[in-house]
């Protein structure tokens, strides 16, 4: 979820994030100080069930299968992409009775009744009057064979940065890293058997303009 829940808390949408330790490789819990980390899912769910009585709403990012662990009137579902695209028709039917939000507009093709909630940006992190140069693309290792070739066809001088376990940039260091460049390139594969489309990365776009 790339820190979306933590940034939402910063701007008033809550004060607590529960996250699996393996998903916070960039250090969002250290930076924002609102996250409890758990080594296993069972411990996370148990903690969520325990504290839910203190909250009016429970926002579940992507993992809608856990909605039944909480009172229906409290649950809000937020989808970011990959998880939603993997739901079958039966699973999609089960979310229709809940308030649903999607963070990118292409997801309306899958969840047309949802509302659009763009992923928030922590503007306090961004620098002004920084003159970078060149192009940078950051993607996961398993995407490299598919994506690098397509990006370089359009932007031959792009530097392709592979995001893996040994090259993770800490969240607090990302603005300095991105300020070296003028343009950020991202290519998203939306679904199987569909055209690959280009979408600007909101976070990077705001950083680099």
N, C-alpha and C. Protein backbone atom coordinates (compact mmCIF):
# COMPACT_ATOMS: atom_id res chain seq x y z
N UNK A 1 0.80 -1.21 0.00
CA UNK A 1 0.00 0.00 0.00
C UNK A 1 0.84 1.27 0.00
N UNK A 2 2.14 1.09 0.09
CA UNK A 2 3.07 2.21 -0.12
C UNK A 2 2.81 3.42 0.76
N UNK A 3 2.44 3.19 2.00
CA UNK A 3 2.28 4.30 2.93
C UNK A 3 1.00 5.08 2.80
N UNK A 4 0.07 4.62 1.98
CA UNK A 4 -1.18 5.36 1.78
C UNK A 4 -1.93 5.55 3.09
N UNK A 5 -2.04 4.49 3.88
CA UNK A 5 -2.79 4.58 5.15
C UNK A 5 -2.13 5.56 6.11
N UNK A 6 -0.80 5.55 6.15
CA UNK A 6 -0.10 6.47 7.05
C UNK A 6 -0.33 7.93 6.64
N UNK A 7 -0.28 8.20 5.35
CA UNK A 7 -0.49 9.57 4.88
C UNK A 7 -1.93 9.99 5.12
N UNK A 8 -2.88 9.08 4.95
CA UNK A 8 -4.28 9.39 5.25
C UNK A 8 -4.43 9.79 6.71
N UNK A 9 -3.73 9.10 7.59
CA UNK A 9 -3.78 9.45 9.01
C UNK A 9 -3.22 10.85 9.24
N UNK A 10 -2.15 11.17 8.55
CA UNK A 10 -1.54 12.49 8.72
C UNK A 10 -2.53 13.60 8.40
N UNK A 11 -3.37 13.37 7.40
CA UNK A 11 -4.32 14.40 6.97
C UNK A 11 -5.71 14.22 7.58
N UNK A 12 -5.78 13.48 8.69
CA UNK A 12 -7.02 13.48 9.47
C UNK A 12 -7.96 12.32 9.30
N UNK A 13 -7.56 11.27 8.56
CA UNK A 13 -8.48 10.16 8.30
C UNK A 13 -8.29 9.01 9.28
N UNK A 14 -7.67 9.27 10.43
CA UNK A 14 -7.47 8.22 11.42
C UNK A 14 -6.22 8.48 12.23
N UNK A 15 -5.91 7.55 13.15
CA UNK A 15 -4.71 7.73 13.96
C UNK A 15 -3.97 6.41 14.20
N UNK A 16 -4.38 5.34 13.49
CA UNK A 16 -3.76 4.05 13.73
C UNK A 16 -3.73 3.22 12.44
N UNK A 17 -2.56 2.63 12.16
CA UNK A 17 -2.41 1.73 11.01
C UNK A 17 -1.86 0.41 11.53
N UNK A 18 -2.47 -0.69 11.11
CA UNK A 18 -1.96 -2.02 11.43
C UNK A 18 -1.42 -2.61 10.14
N UNK A 19 -0.17 -3.09 10.19
CA UNK A 19 0.50 -3.53 8.96
C UNK A 19 1.39 -4.72 9.26
N UNK A 20 1.54 -5.60 8.27
CA UNK A 20 2.50 -6.69 8.40
C UNK A 20 3.91 -6.14 8.22
N UNK A 21 4.80 -6.61 9.04
CA UNK A 21 6.19 -6.13 9.01
C UNK A 21 6.81 -6.27 7.63
N UNK A 22 6.50 -7.36 6.93
CA UNK A 22 7.11 -7.62 5.62
C UNK A 22 6.70 -6.61 4.56
N UNK A 23 5.61 -5.87 4.79
CA UNK A 23 5.13 -4.91 3.81
C UNK A 23 5.61 -3.48 4.09
N UNK A 24 6.40 -3.30 5.12
CA UNK A 24 6.88 -1.94 5.43
C UNK A 24 8.40 -1.88 5.26
N UNK A 25 8.85 -2.25 4.09
CA UNK A 25 10.29 -2.29 3.82
C UNK A 25 10.91 -0.90 3.72
N UNK A 26 10.09 0.12 3.48
CA UNK A 26 10.62 1.47 3.26
C UNK A 26 10.62 2.34 4.52
N UNK A 27 10.05 1.84 5.62
CA UNK A 27 10.13 2.56 6.88
C UNK A 27 9.03 3.57 7.14
N UNK A 28 7.82 3.31 6.66
CA UNK A 28 6.71 4.23 6.91
C UNK A 28 6.38 4.30 8.41
N UNK A 29 6.51 3.18 9.10
CA UNK A 29 6.16 3.19 10.53
C UNK A 29 7.11 4.09 11.32
N UNK A 30 8.37 4.15 10.91
CA UNK A 30 9.34 5.01 11.58
C UNK A 30 9.05 6.48 11.30
N UNK A 31 8.69 6.77 10.05
CA UNK A 31 8.52 8.16 9.65
C UNK A 31 7.26 8.78 10.23
N UNK A 32 6.15 8.06 10.20
CA UNK A 32 4.87 8.65 10.62
C UNK A 32 4.49 8.33 12.06
N UNK A 33 4.99 7.25 12.59
CA UNK A 33 4.74 6.94 14.00
C UNK A 33 3.31 6.58 14.36
N UNK A 34 2.53 6.09 13.39
CA UNK A 34 1.14 5.71 13.68
C UNK A 34 0.89 4.23 13.43
N UNK A 35 1.94 3.50 13.05
CA UNK A 35 1.78 2.12 12.60
C UNK A 35 2.24 1.10 13.64
N UNK A 36 1.41 0.09 13.84
CA UNK A 36 1.81 -1.08 14.61
C UNK A 36 2.15 -2.19 13.62
N UNK A 37 3.34 -2.76 13.75
CA UNK A 37 3.77 -3.82 12.84
C UNK A 37 3.59 -5.19 13.47
N UNK A 38 3.28 -6.18 12.62
CA UNK A 38 3.06 -7.55 13.09
C UNK A 38 3.81 -8.52 12.20
N UNK A 39 4.32 -9.56 12.82
CA UNK A 39 5.07 -10.56 12.07
C UNK A 39 4.17 -11.54 11.35
N UNK A 40 2.93 -11.71 11.81
CA UNK A 40 2.02 -12.64 11.16
C UNK A 40 0.61 -12.06 11.11
N UNK A 41 -0.15 -12.56 10.16
CA UNK A 41 -1.49 -12.03 9.91
C UNK A 41 -2.44 -12.31 11.07
N UNK A 42 -2.32 -13.46 11.68
CA UNK A 42 -3.22 -13.80 12.78
C UNK A 42 -3.11 -12.79 13.92
N UNK A 43 -1.89 -12.37 14.23
CA UNK A 43 -1.69 -11.39 15.30
C UNK A 43 -2.27 -10.04 14.93
N UNK A 44 -2.13 -9.67 13.67
CA UNK A 44 -2.67 -8.38 13.20
C UNK A 44 -4.20 -8.37 13.32
N UNK A 45 -4.85 -9.42 12.83
CA UNK A 45 -6.31 -9.48 12.87
C UNK A 45 -6.81 -9.50 14.31
N UNK A 46 -6.13 -10.24 15.16
CA UNK A 46 -6.53 -10.30 16.57
C UNK A 46 -6.45 -8.92 17.21
N UNK A 47 -5.41 -8.18 16.91
CA UNK A 47 -5.26 -6.82 17.45
C UNK A 47 -6.34 -5.90 16.89
N UNK A 48 -6.62 -6.02 15.60
CA UNK A 48 -7.65 -5.18 14.97
C UNK A 48 -9.01 -5.44 15.58
N UNK A 49 -9.33 -6.69 15.81
CA UNK A 49 -10.61 -7.03 16.42
C UNK A 49 -10.71 -6.48 17.85
N UNK A 50 -9.59 -6.45 18.52
CA UNK A 50 -9.58 -5.98 19.91
C UNK A 50 -9.80 -4.47 20.00
N UNK A 51 -9.17 -3.70 19.11
CA UNK A 51 -9.25 -2.24 19.21
C UNK A 51 -10.40 -1.63 18.41
N UNK A 52 -11.10 -2.44 17.60
CA UNK A 52 -12.12 -1.86 16.72
C UNK A 52 -13.25 -1.19 17.51
N UNK A 53 -13.44 -1.57 18.75
CA UNK A 53 -14.50 -0.94 19.54
C UNK A 53 -14.19 0.53 19.84
N UNK A 54 -12.94 0.93 19.68
CA UNK A 54 -12.54 2.32 19.92
C UNK A 54 -12.70 3.20 18.69
N UNK A 55 -13.14 2.62 17.58
CA UNK A 55 -13.18 3.37 16.32
C UNK A 55 -14.55 3.28 15.67
N UNK A 56 -14.94 4.39 15.01
CA UNK A 56 -16.21 4.42 14.29
C UNK A 56 -16.12 3.71 12.96
N UNK A 57 -14.93 3.75 12.33
CA UNK A 57 -14.74 3.15 11.01
C UNK A 57 -13.46 2.32 10.97
N UNK A 58 -13.49 1.27 10.17
CA UNK A 58 -12.33 0.42 9.93
C UNK A 58 -12.07 0.45 8.43
N UNK A 59 -10.93 1.00 8.02
CA UNK A 59 -10.59 1.07 6.59
C UNK A 59 -9.68 -0.10 6.25
N UNK A 60 -10.13 -0.93 5.33
CA UNK A 60 -9.35 -2.09 4.90
C UNK A 60 -8.80 -1.81 3.50
N UNK A 61 -7.49 -1.82 3.36
CA UNK A 61 -6.86 -1.59 2.07
C UNK A 61 -6.62 -2.92 1.35
N UNK A 62 -7.30 -3.10 0.24
CA UNK A 62 -7.11 -4.25 -0.67
C UNK A 62 -7.64 -5.58 -0.14
N UNK A 63 -7.35 -5.94 1.10
CA UNK A 63 -7.65 -7.28 1.58
C UNK A 63 -9.09 -7.39 2.09
N UNK A 64 -10.02 -7.31 1.14
CA UNK A 64 -11.44 -7.25 1.48
C UNK A 64 -11.95 -8.54 2.12
N UNK A 65 -11.21 -9.62 2.01
CA UNK A 65 -11.66 -10.88 2.60
C UNK A 65 -11.77 -10.83 4.12
N UNK A 66 -11.16 -9.81 4.74
CA UNK A 66 -11.21 -9.70 6.20
C UNK A 66 -12.35 -8.81 6.69
N UNK A 67 -13.19 -8.38 5.78
CA UNK A 67 -14.29 -7.48 6.16
C UNK A 67 -15.25 -8.13 7.15
N UNK A 68 -15.41 -9.44 7.08
CA UNK A 68 -16.35 -10.13 7.96
C UNK A 68 -15.87 -10.23 9.40
N UNK A 69 -14.63 -9.84 9.63
CA UNK A 69 -14.10 -9.85 11.01
C UNK A 69 -14.58 -8.65 11.83
N UNK A 70 -15.28 -7.72 11.16
CA UNK A 70 -15.65 -6.48 11.83
C UNK A 70 -17.12 -6.16 11.56
N UNK A 71 -17.73 -5.33 12.41
CA UNK A 71 -19.13 -4.93 12.16
C UNK A 71 -19.27 -4.29 10.78
N UNK A 72 -20.25 -4.72 10.04
CA UNK A 72 -20.41 -4.26 8.67
C UNK A 72 -20.55 -2.74 8.59
N UNK A 73 -21.20 -2.14 9.56
CA UNK A 73 -21.44 -0.69 9.53
C UNK A 73 -20.16 0.12 9.67
N UNK A 74 -19.08 -0.53 10.10
CA UNK A 74 -17.82 0.19 10.30
C UNK A 74 -16.87 0.08 9.12
N UNK A 75 -17.09 -0.89 8.25
CA UNK A 75 -16.08 -1.24 7.25
C UNK A 75 -16.14 -0.34 6.01
N UNK A 76 -14.97 0.16 5.62
CA UNK A 76 -14.77 0.88 4.36
C UNK A 76 -13.66 0.16 3.61
N UNK A 77 -13.86 -0.09 2.32
CA UNK A 77 -12.87 -0.81 1.51
C UNK A 77 -12.18 0.13 0.53
N UNK A 78 -10.87 0.09 0.51
CA UNK A 78 -10.08 0.90 -0.42
C UNK A 78 -9.23 -0.04 -1.26
N UNK A 79 -9.33 0.08 -2.59
CA UNK A 79 -8.59 -0.79 -3.49
C UNK A 79 -7.57 0.01 -4.30
N UNK A 80 -6.38 -0.59 -4.46
CA UNK A 80 -5.29 0.09 -5.16
C UNK A 80 -4.94 -0.53 -6.51
N UNK A 81 -5.42 -1.74 -6.80
CA UNK A 81 -5.12 -2.28 -8.12
C UNK A 81 -4.98 -3.79 -8.19
N UNK A 82 -3.80 -4.31 -7.94
CA UNK A 82 -3.49 -5.71 -8.20
C UNK A 82 -4.44 -6.67 -7.48
N UNK A 83 -4.70 -6.40 -6.23
CA UNK A 83 -5.58 -7.29 -5.46
C UNK A 83 -7.00 -7.30 -6.04
N UNK A 84 -7.50 -6.13 -6.40
CA UNK A 84 -8.84 -6.03 -6.96
C UNK A 84 -8.93 -6.76 -8.29
N UNK A 85 -7.91 -6.63 -9.13
CA UNK A 85 -7.93 -7.30 -10.44
C UNK A 85 -7.92 -8.81 -10.31
N UNK A 86 -7.48 -9.31 -9.17
CA UNK A 86 -7.44 -10.75 -8.96
C UNK A 86 -8.72 -11.34 -8.39
N UNK A 87 -9.71 -10.51 -8.06
CA UNK A 87 -10.96 -11.02 -7.51
C UNK A 87 -11.83 -11.62 -8.61
N UNK A 88 -12.47 -12.74 -8.31
CA UNK A 88 -13.41 -13.32 -9.26
C UNK A 88 -14.80 -12.69 -9.09
N UNK A 89 -15.72 -13.07 -9.93
CA UNK A 89 -17.06 -12.46 -9.91
C UNK A 89 -17.76 -12.66 -8.57
N UNK A 90 -17.62 -13.83 -7.99
CA UNK A 90 -18.26 -14.11 -6.70
C UNK A 90 -17.68 -13.21 -5.62
N UNK A 91 -16.37 -13.03 -5.63
CA UNK A 91 -15.71 -12.19 -4.63
C UNK A 91 -16.10 -10.72 -4.82
N UNK A 92 -16.24 -10.29 -6.07
CA UNK A 92 -16.65 -8.91 -6.34
C UNK A 92 -18.07 -8.66 -5.83
N UNK A 93 -18.93 -9.66 -5.94
CA UNK A 93 -20.30 -9.52 -5.45
C UNK A 93 -20.33 -9.26 -3.95
N UNK A 94 -19.37 -9.82 -3.22
CA UNK A 94 -19.40 -9.70 -1.76
C UNK A 94 -19.03 -8.31 -1.26
N UNK A 95 -18.45 -7.46 -2.12
CA UNK A 95 -18.05 -6.12 -1.66
C UNK A 95 -19.09 -5.06 -2.01
N UNK A 96 -20.11 -5.43 -2.76
CA UNK A 96 -21.06 -4.44 -3.26
C UNK A 96 -21.87 -3.76 -2.16
N UNK A 97 -22.00 -4.42 -1.04
CA UNK A 97 -22.79 -3.85 0.05
C UNK A 97 -21.97 -2.98 1.00
N UNK A 98 -20.73 -2.71 0.62
CA UNK A 98 -19.83 -1.91 1.46
C UNK A 98 -19.43 -0.63 0.73
N UNK A 99 -19.13 0.44 1.45
CA UNK A 99 -18.57 1.63 0.80
C UNK A 99 -17.21 1.26 0.21
N UNK A 100 -17.05 1.48 -1.09
CA UNK A 100 -15.82 1.09 -1.78
C UNK A 100 -15.18 2.31 -2.46
N UNK A 101 -13.87 2.38 -2.39
CA UNK A 101 -13.11 3.45 -3.03
C UNK A 101 -11.97 2.83 -3.83
N UNK A 102 -11.66 3.46 -4.96
CA UNK A 102 -10.52 3.03 -5.78
C UNK A 102 -9.58 4.23 -5.95
N UNK A 103 -8.28 3.95 -5.97
CA UNK A 103 -7.31 5.05 -6.01
C UNK A 103 -6.86 5.41 -7.42
N UNK A 104 -7.22 4.59 -8.42
CA UNK A 104 -6.94 4.96 -9.82
C UNK A 104 -8.21 4.75 -10.64
N UNK A 105 -8.44 5.62 -11.59
CA UNK A 105 -9.71 5.64 -12.32
C UNK A 105 -9.92 4.42 -13.21
N UNK A 106 -8.85 3.74 -13.63
CA UNK A 106 -9.02 2.55 -14.47
C UNK A 106 -9.75 1.43 -13.73
N UNK A 107 -9.74 1.47 -12.39
CA UNK A 107 -10.37 0.42 -11.60
C UNK A 107 -11.90 0.50 -11.63
N UNK A 108 -12.44 1.61 -12.17
CA UNK A 108 -13.89 1.69 -12.34
C UNK A 108 -14.38 0.64 -13.33
N UNK A 109 -13.51 0.16 -14.22
CA UNK A 109 -13.89 -0.91 -15.14
C UNK A 109 -14.27 -2.17 -14.39
N UNK A 110 -13.68 -2.37 -13.22
CA UNK A 110 -13.94 -3.55 -12.41
C UNK A 110 -14.99 -3.28 -11.34
N UNK A 111 -14.95 -2.08 -10.77
CA UNK A 111 -15.83 -1.72 -9.66
C UNK A 111 -16.53 -0.40 -9.99
N UNK A 112 -17.47 -0.42 -10.93
CA UNK A 112 -18.08 0.83 -11.41
C UNK A 112 -18.86 1.61 -10.37
N UNK A 113 -19.30 0.97 -9.30
CA UNK A 113 -20.08 1.65 -8.27
C UNK A 113 -19.21 2.30 -7.20
N UNK A 114 -17.89 2.11 -7.29
CA UNK A 114 -16.98 2.68 -6.29
C UNK A 114 -16.84 4.18 -6.48
N UNK A 115 -16.24 4.84 -5.50
CA UNK A 115 -15.92 6.25 -5.58
C UNK A 115 -14.41 6.41 -5.75
N UNK A 116 -14.03 7.50 -6.38
CA UNK A 116 -12.60 7.72 -6.63
C UNK A 116 -11.96 8.43 -5.44
N UNK A 117 -10.92 7.82 -4.91
CA UNK A 117 -10.16 8.41 -3.81
C UNK A 117 -8.68 8.33 -4.19
N UNK A 118 -8.16 9.35 -4.87
CA UNK A 118 -6.75 9.31 -5.30
C UNK A 118 -5.82 9.11 -4.11
N UNK A 119 -4.77 8.34 -4.31
CA UNK A 119 -3.80 8.11 -3.25
C UNK A 119 -3.23 9.46 -2.81
N UNK A 120 -3.18 9.71 -1.51
CA UNK A 120 -2.72 11.01 -1.02
C UNK A 120 -1.22 11.18 -1.17
N UNK A 121 -0.79 12.42 -1.17
CA UNK A 121 0.62 12.77 -1.29
C UNK A 121 1.03 13.60 -0.08
N UNK A 122 2.12 13.26 0.54
CA UNK A 122 2.64 14.05 1.65
C UNK A 122 3.49 15.18 1.08
N UNK A 123 2.87 16.32 0.88
CA UNK A 123 3.56 17.44 0.22
C UNK A 123 4.69 18.03 1.06
N UNK A 124 4.69 17.75 2.35
CA UNK A 124 5.76 18.28 3.20
C UNK A 124 7.13 17.68 2.87
N UNK A 125 7.11 16.54 2.19
CA UNK A 125 8.37 15.87 1.86
C UNK A 125 9.06 16.47 0.63
N UNK A 126 8.30 17.17 -0.18
CA UNK A 126 8.82 17.58 -1.49
C UNK A 126 9.60 18.88 -1.43
N UNK A 127 10.65 18.92 -2.22
CA UNK A 127 11.52 20.09 -2.26
C UNK A 127 11.12 21.01 -3.39
N UNK A 128 11.42 22.29 -3.22
CA UNK A 128 11.16 23.27 -4.26
C UNK A 128 12.49 23.71 -4.88
N UNK A 129 12.40 24.19 -6.12
CA UNK A 129 13.56 24.77 -6.81
C UNK A 129 14.72 23.79 -6.89
N UNK A 130 14.41 22.54 -7.20
CA UNK A 130 15.46 21.53 -7.39
C UNK A 130 15.58 21.24 -8.88
N UNK A 131 16.78 21.34 -9.42
CA UNK A 131 17.01 21.13 -10.85
C UNK A 131 17.63 19.75 -11.08
N UNK A 132 16.80 18.76 -11.35
CA UNK A 132 17.32 17.45 -11.68
C UNK A 132 17.50 17.32 -13.18
N UNK A 133 17.96 16.17 -13.62
CA UNK A 133 18.14 15.95 -15.05
C UNK A 133 17.92 14.46 -15.35
N UNK A 134 17.59 14.18 -16.61
CA UNK A 134 17.45 12.80 -17.05
C UNK A 134 16.14 12.16 -16.62
N UNK A 135 16.06 10.84 -16.86
CA UNK A 135 14.85 10.07 -16.63
C UNK A 135 15.14 8.92 -15.69
N UNK A 136 14.17 8.58 -14.83
CA UNK A 136 14.33 7.45 -13.91
C UNK A 136 13.05 6.61 -13.94
N UNK A 137 13.21 5.30 -13.96
CA UNK A 137 12.08 4.38 -13.85
C UNK A 137 12.39 3.40 -12.73
N UNK A 138 11.45 3.19 -11.82
CA UNK A 138 11.63 2.28 -10.70
C UNK A 138 10.56 1.19 -10.77
N UNK A 139 11.00 -0.06 -10.81
CA UNK A 139 10.04 -1.16 -10.85
C UNK A 139 10.59 -2.37 -10.13
N UNK A 140 9.70 -3.33 -9.85
CA UNK A 140 10.08 -4.56 -9.16
C UNK A 140 10.81 -5.51 -10.11
N UNK A 141 11.60 -6.45 -9.58
CA UNK A 141 12.37 -7.37 -10.42
C UNK A 141 11.50 -8.18 -11.40
N UNK A 142 10.34 -8.68 -10.92
CA UNK A 142 9.54 -9.54 -11.79
C UNK A 142 8.92 -8.79 -12.96
N UNK A 143 8.93 -7.45 -12.89
CA UNK A 143 8.36 -6.65 -13.98
C UNK A 143 9.40 -6.26 -15.03
N UNK A 144 10.66 -6.50 -14.73
CA UNK A 144 11.73 -5.93 -15.56
C UNK A 144 11.67 -6.39 -17.01
N UNK A 145 11.54 -7.69 -17.25
CA UNK A 145 11.55 -8.20 -18.62
C UNK A 145 10.44 -7.60 -19.46
N UNK A 146 9.29 -7.40 -18.85
CA UNK A 146 8.15 -6.85 -19.59
C UNK A 146 8.26 -5.34 -19.77
N UNK A 147 8.65 -4.65 -18.70
CA UNK A 147 8.53 -3.19 -18.68
C UNK A 147 9.75 -2.44 -19.19
N UNK A 148 10.95 -2.89 -18.84
CA UNK A 148 12.14 -2.12 -19.20
C UNK A 148 12.24 -1.92 -20.71
N UNK A 149 11.97 -2.96 -21.47
CA UNK A 149 12.07 -2.88 -22.92
C UNK A 149 11.09 -1.84 -23.48
N UNK A 150 9.89 -1.80 -22.94
CA UNK A 150 8.87 -0.87 -23.44
C UNK A 150 9.18 0.57 -23.05
N UNK A 151 9.69 0.74 -21.85
CA UNK A 151 10.04 2.09 -21.41
C UNK A 151 11.20 2.64 -22.24
N UNK A 152 12.21 1.81 -22.45
CA UNK A 152 13.39 2.29 -23.19
C UNK A 152 13.10 2.53 -24.66
N UNK A 153 12.06 1.90 -25.19
CA UNK A 153 11.67 2.17 -26.57
C UNK A 153 11.20 3.60 -26.73
N UNK A 154 10.58 4.13 -25.68
CA UNK A 154 10.09 5.51 -25.74
C UNK A 154 11.09 6.50 -25.14
N UNK A 155 11.78 6.07 -24.09
CA UNK A 155 12.74 6.95 -23.41
C UNK A 155 14.10 6.24 -23.37
N UNK A 156 14.87 6.30 -24.46
CA UNK A 156 16.12 5.53 -24.57
C UNK A 156 17.14 5.84 -23.47
N UNK A 157 17.13 7.04 -22.94
CA UNK A 157 18.15 7.43 -21.95
C UNK A 157 17.71 7.19 -20.51
N UNK A 158 16.60 6.50 -20.32
CA UNK A 158 16.10 6.30 -18.98
C UNK A 158 17.04 5.41 -18.17
N UNK A 159 17.17 5.72 -16.88
CA UNK A 159 17.88 4.84 -15.96
C UNK A 159 16.86 3.94 -15.31
N UNK A 160 17.04 2.64 -15.45
CA UNK A 160 16.09 1.69 -14.88
C UNK A 160 16.61 1.24 -13.52
N UNK A 161 15.86 1.56 -12.47
CA UNK A 161 16.26 1.22 -11.10
C UNK A 161 15.39 0.06 -10.64
N UNK A 162 16.02 -1.07 -10.39
CA UNK A 162 15.29 -2.25 -9.96
C UNK A 162 15.10 -2.24 -8.45
N UNK A 163 13.86 -2.23 -8.03
CA UNK A 163 13.53 -2.21 -6.60
C UNK A 163 13.49 -3.63 -6.07
N UNK A 164 14.54 -4.02 -5.36
CA UNK A 164 14.58 -5.36 -4.79
C UNK A 164 15.02 -5.27 -3.33
N UNK A 165 15.17 -6.42 -2.69
CA UNK A 165 15.44 -6.45 -1.26
C UNK A 165 16.76 -5.77 -0.88
N UNK A 166 17.71 -5.73 -1.81
CA UNK A 166 19.01 -5.15 -1.50
C UNK A 166 19.16 -3.70 -1.96
N UNK A 167 18.13 -3.15 -2.59
CA UNK A 167 18.25 -1.78 -3.12
C UNK A 167 17.07 -0.89 -2.73
N UNK A 168 16.45 -1.19 -1.60
CA UNK A 168 15.29 -0.41 -1.16
C UNK A 168 15.73 0.97 -0.66
N UNK A 169 15.06 1.99 -1.14
CA UNK A 169 15.33 3.36 -0.70
C UNK A 169 14.37 3.69 0.44
N UNK A 170 14.89 4.09 1.57
CA UNK A 170 14.04 4.43 2.69
C UNK A 170 13.16 5.62 2.34
N UNK A 171 11.97 5.61 2.91
CA UNK A 171 10.98 6.64 2.59
C UNK A 171 11.51 8.05 2.81
N UNK A 172 12.20 8.27 3.92
CA UNK A 172 12.70 9.60 4.24
C UNK A 172 13.82 10.04 3.28
N UNK A 173 14.43 9.08 2.58
CA UNK A 173 15.51 9.40 1.65
C UNK A 173 15.02 9.56 0.21
N UNK A 174 13.76 9.18 -0.06
CA UNK A 174 13.26 9.19 -1.43
C UNK A 174 13.25 10.58 -2.08
N UNK A 175 12.87 11.65 -1.38
CA UNK A 175 12.91 12.97 -2.04
C UNK A 175 14.30 13.35 -2.54
N UNK A 176 15.33 13.08 -1.76
CA UNK A 176 16.69 13.39 -2.21
C UNK A 176 17.07 12.54 -3.41
N UNK A 177 16.64 11.28 -3.41
CA UNK A 177 16.95 10.40 -4.53
C UNK A 177 16.27 10.89 -5.81
N UNK A 178 14.97 11.21 -5.72
CA UNK A 178 14.24 11.64 -6.91
C UNK A 178 14.69 13.01 -7.42
N UNK A 179 15.20 13.85 -6.53
CA UNK A 179 15.60 15.20 -6.94
C UNK A 179 16.78 15.20 -7.90
N UNK A 180 17.43 14.04 -8.07
CA UNK A 180 18.53 13.94 -9.02
C UNK A 180 18.02 13.93 -10.46
N UNK A 181 16.71 13.67 -10.63
CA UNK A 181 16.15 13.47 -11.97
C UNK A 181 15.09 14.51 -12.28
N UNK A 182 14.87 14.70 -13.55
CA UNK A 182 13.86 15.66 -13.99
C UNK A 182 12.53 14.98 -14.31
N UNK A 183 12.60 13.73 -14.77
CA UNK A 183 11.39 13.03 -15.18
C UNK A 183 11.33 11.64 -14.54
N UNK A 184 10.12 11.23 -14.19
CA UNK A 184 9.88 9.89 -13.65
C UNK A 184 8.98 9.16 -14.64
N UNK A 185 9.35 7.95 -15.01
CA UNK A 185 8.58 7.18 -15.99
C UNK A 185 7.99 5.96 -15.32
N UNK A 186 6.69 5.74 -15.51
CA UNK A 186 6.07 4.52 -14.98
C UNK A 186 5.16 3.94 -16.04
N UNK A 187 5.19 2.64 -16.16
CA UNK A 187 4.33 1.93 -17.10
C UNK A 187 3.58 0.86 -16.33
N UNK A 188 2.27 0.90 -16.37
CA UNK A 188 1.46 -0.04 -15.62
C UNK A 188 0.74 -0.99 -16.56
N UNK A 189 0.83 -2.29 -16.29
CA UNK A 189 0.04 -3.27 -17.02
C UNK A 189 -1.27 -3.44 -16.28
N UNK A 190 -2.37 -3.04 -16.91
CA UNK A 190 -3.64 -2.98 -16.19
C UNK A 190 -4.29 -4.34 -16.00
N UNK A 191 -4.38 -5.13 -17.05
CA UNK A 191 -5.03 -6.43 -16.93
C UNK A 191 -4.48 -7.36 -17.99
N UNK A 192 -4.75 -8.64 -17.82
CA UNK A 192 -4.39 -9.57 -18.87
C UNK A 192 -5.23 -9.27 -20.12
N UNK A 193 -4.60 -9.48 -21.28
CA UNK A 193 -5.29 -9.32 -22.56
C UNK A 193 -5.84 -7.92 -22.80
N UNK A 194 -5.22 -6.93 -22.16
CA UNK A 194 -5.61 -5.55 -22.41
C UNK A 194 -4.40 -4.76 -22.80
N UNK A 195 -4.63 -3.63 -23.42
CA UNK A 195 -3.52 -2.79 -23.82
C UNK A 195 -2.77 -2.27 -22.61
N UNK A 196 -1.48 -2.14 -22.76
CA UNK A 196 -0.66 -1.52 -21.72
C UNK A 196 -0.77 -0.01 -21.89
N UNK A 197 -1.11 0.66 -20.83
CA UNK A 197 -1.29 2.11 -20.89
C UNK A 197 -0.27 2.83 -20.02
N UNK A 198 0.00 4.06 -20.38
CA UNK A 198 0.88 4.89 -19.55
C UNK A 198 0.03 5.75 -18.63
N UNK A 199 0.37 5.76 -17.36
CA UNK A 199 -0.27 6.66 -16.41
C UNK A 199 0.80 7.40 -15.64
N UNK A 200 0.65 8.69 -15.41
CA UNK A 200 1.65 9.41 -14.60
C UNK A 200 1.58 8.96 -13.16
N UNK A 201 2.71 8.83 -12.55
CA UNK A 201 2.76 8.51 -11.14
C UNK A 201 2.58 9.79 -10.34
N UNK A 202 1.47 9.90 -9.64
CA UNK A 202 1.11 11.16 -8.98
C UNK A 202 2.18 11.64 -8.02
N UNK A 203 2.68 10.73 -7.20
CA UNK A 203 3.68 11.12 -6.21
C UNK A 203 4.92 11.68 -6.88
N UNK A 204 5.45 10.96 -7.87
CA UNK A 204 6.67 11.38 -8.54
C UNK A 204 6.41 12.63 -9.38
N UNK A 205 5.23 12.70 -9.99
CA UNK A 205 4.92 13.85 -10.84
C UNK A 205 4.96 15.13 -10.02
N UNK A 206 4.34 15.10 -8.84
CA UNK A 206 4.38 16.28 -7.99
C UNK A 206 5.79 16.59 -7.51
N UNK A 207 6.58 15.55 -7.31
CA UNK A 207 7.94 15.75 -6.84
C UNK A 207 8.81 16.42 -7.90
N UNK A 208 8.57 16.06 -9.15
CA UNK A 208 9.50 16.46 -10.20
C UNK A 208 9.07 17.68 -10.99
N UNK A 209 7.88 18.21 -10.71
CA UNK A 209 7.45 19.40 -11.44
C UNK A 209 7.79 20.66 -10.68
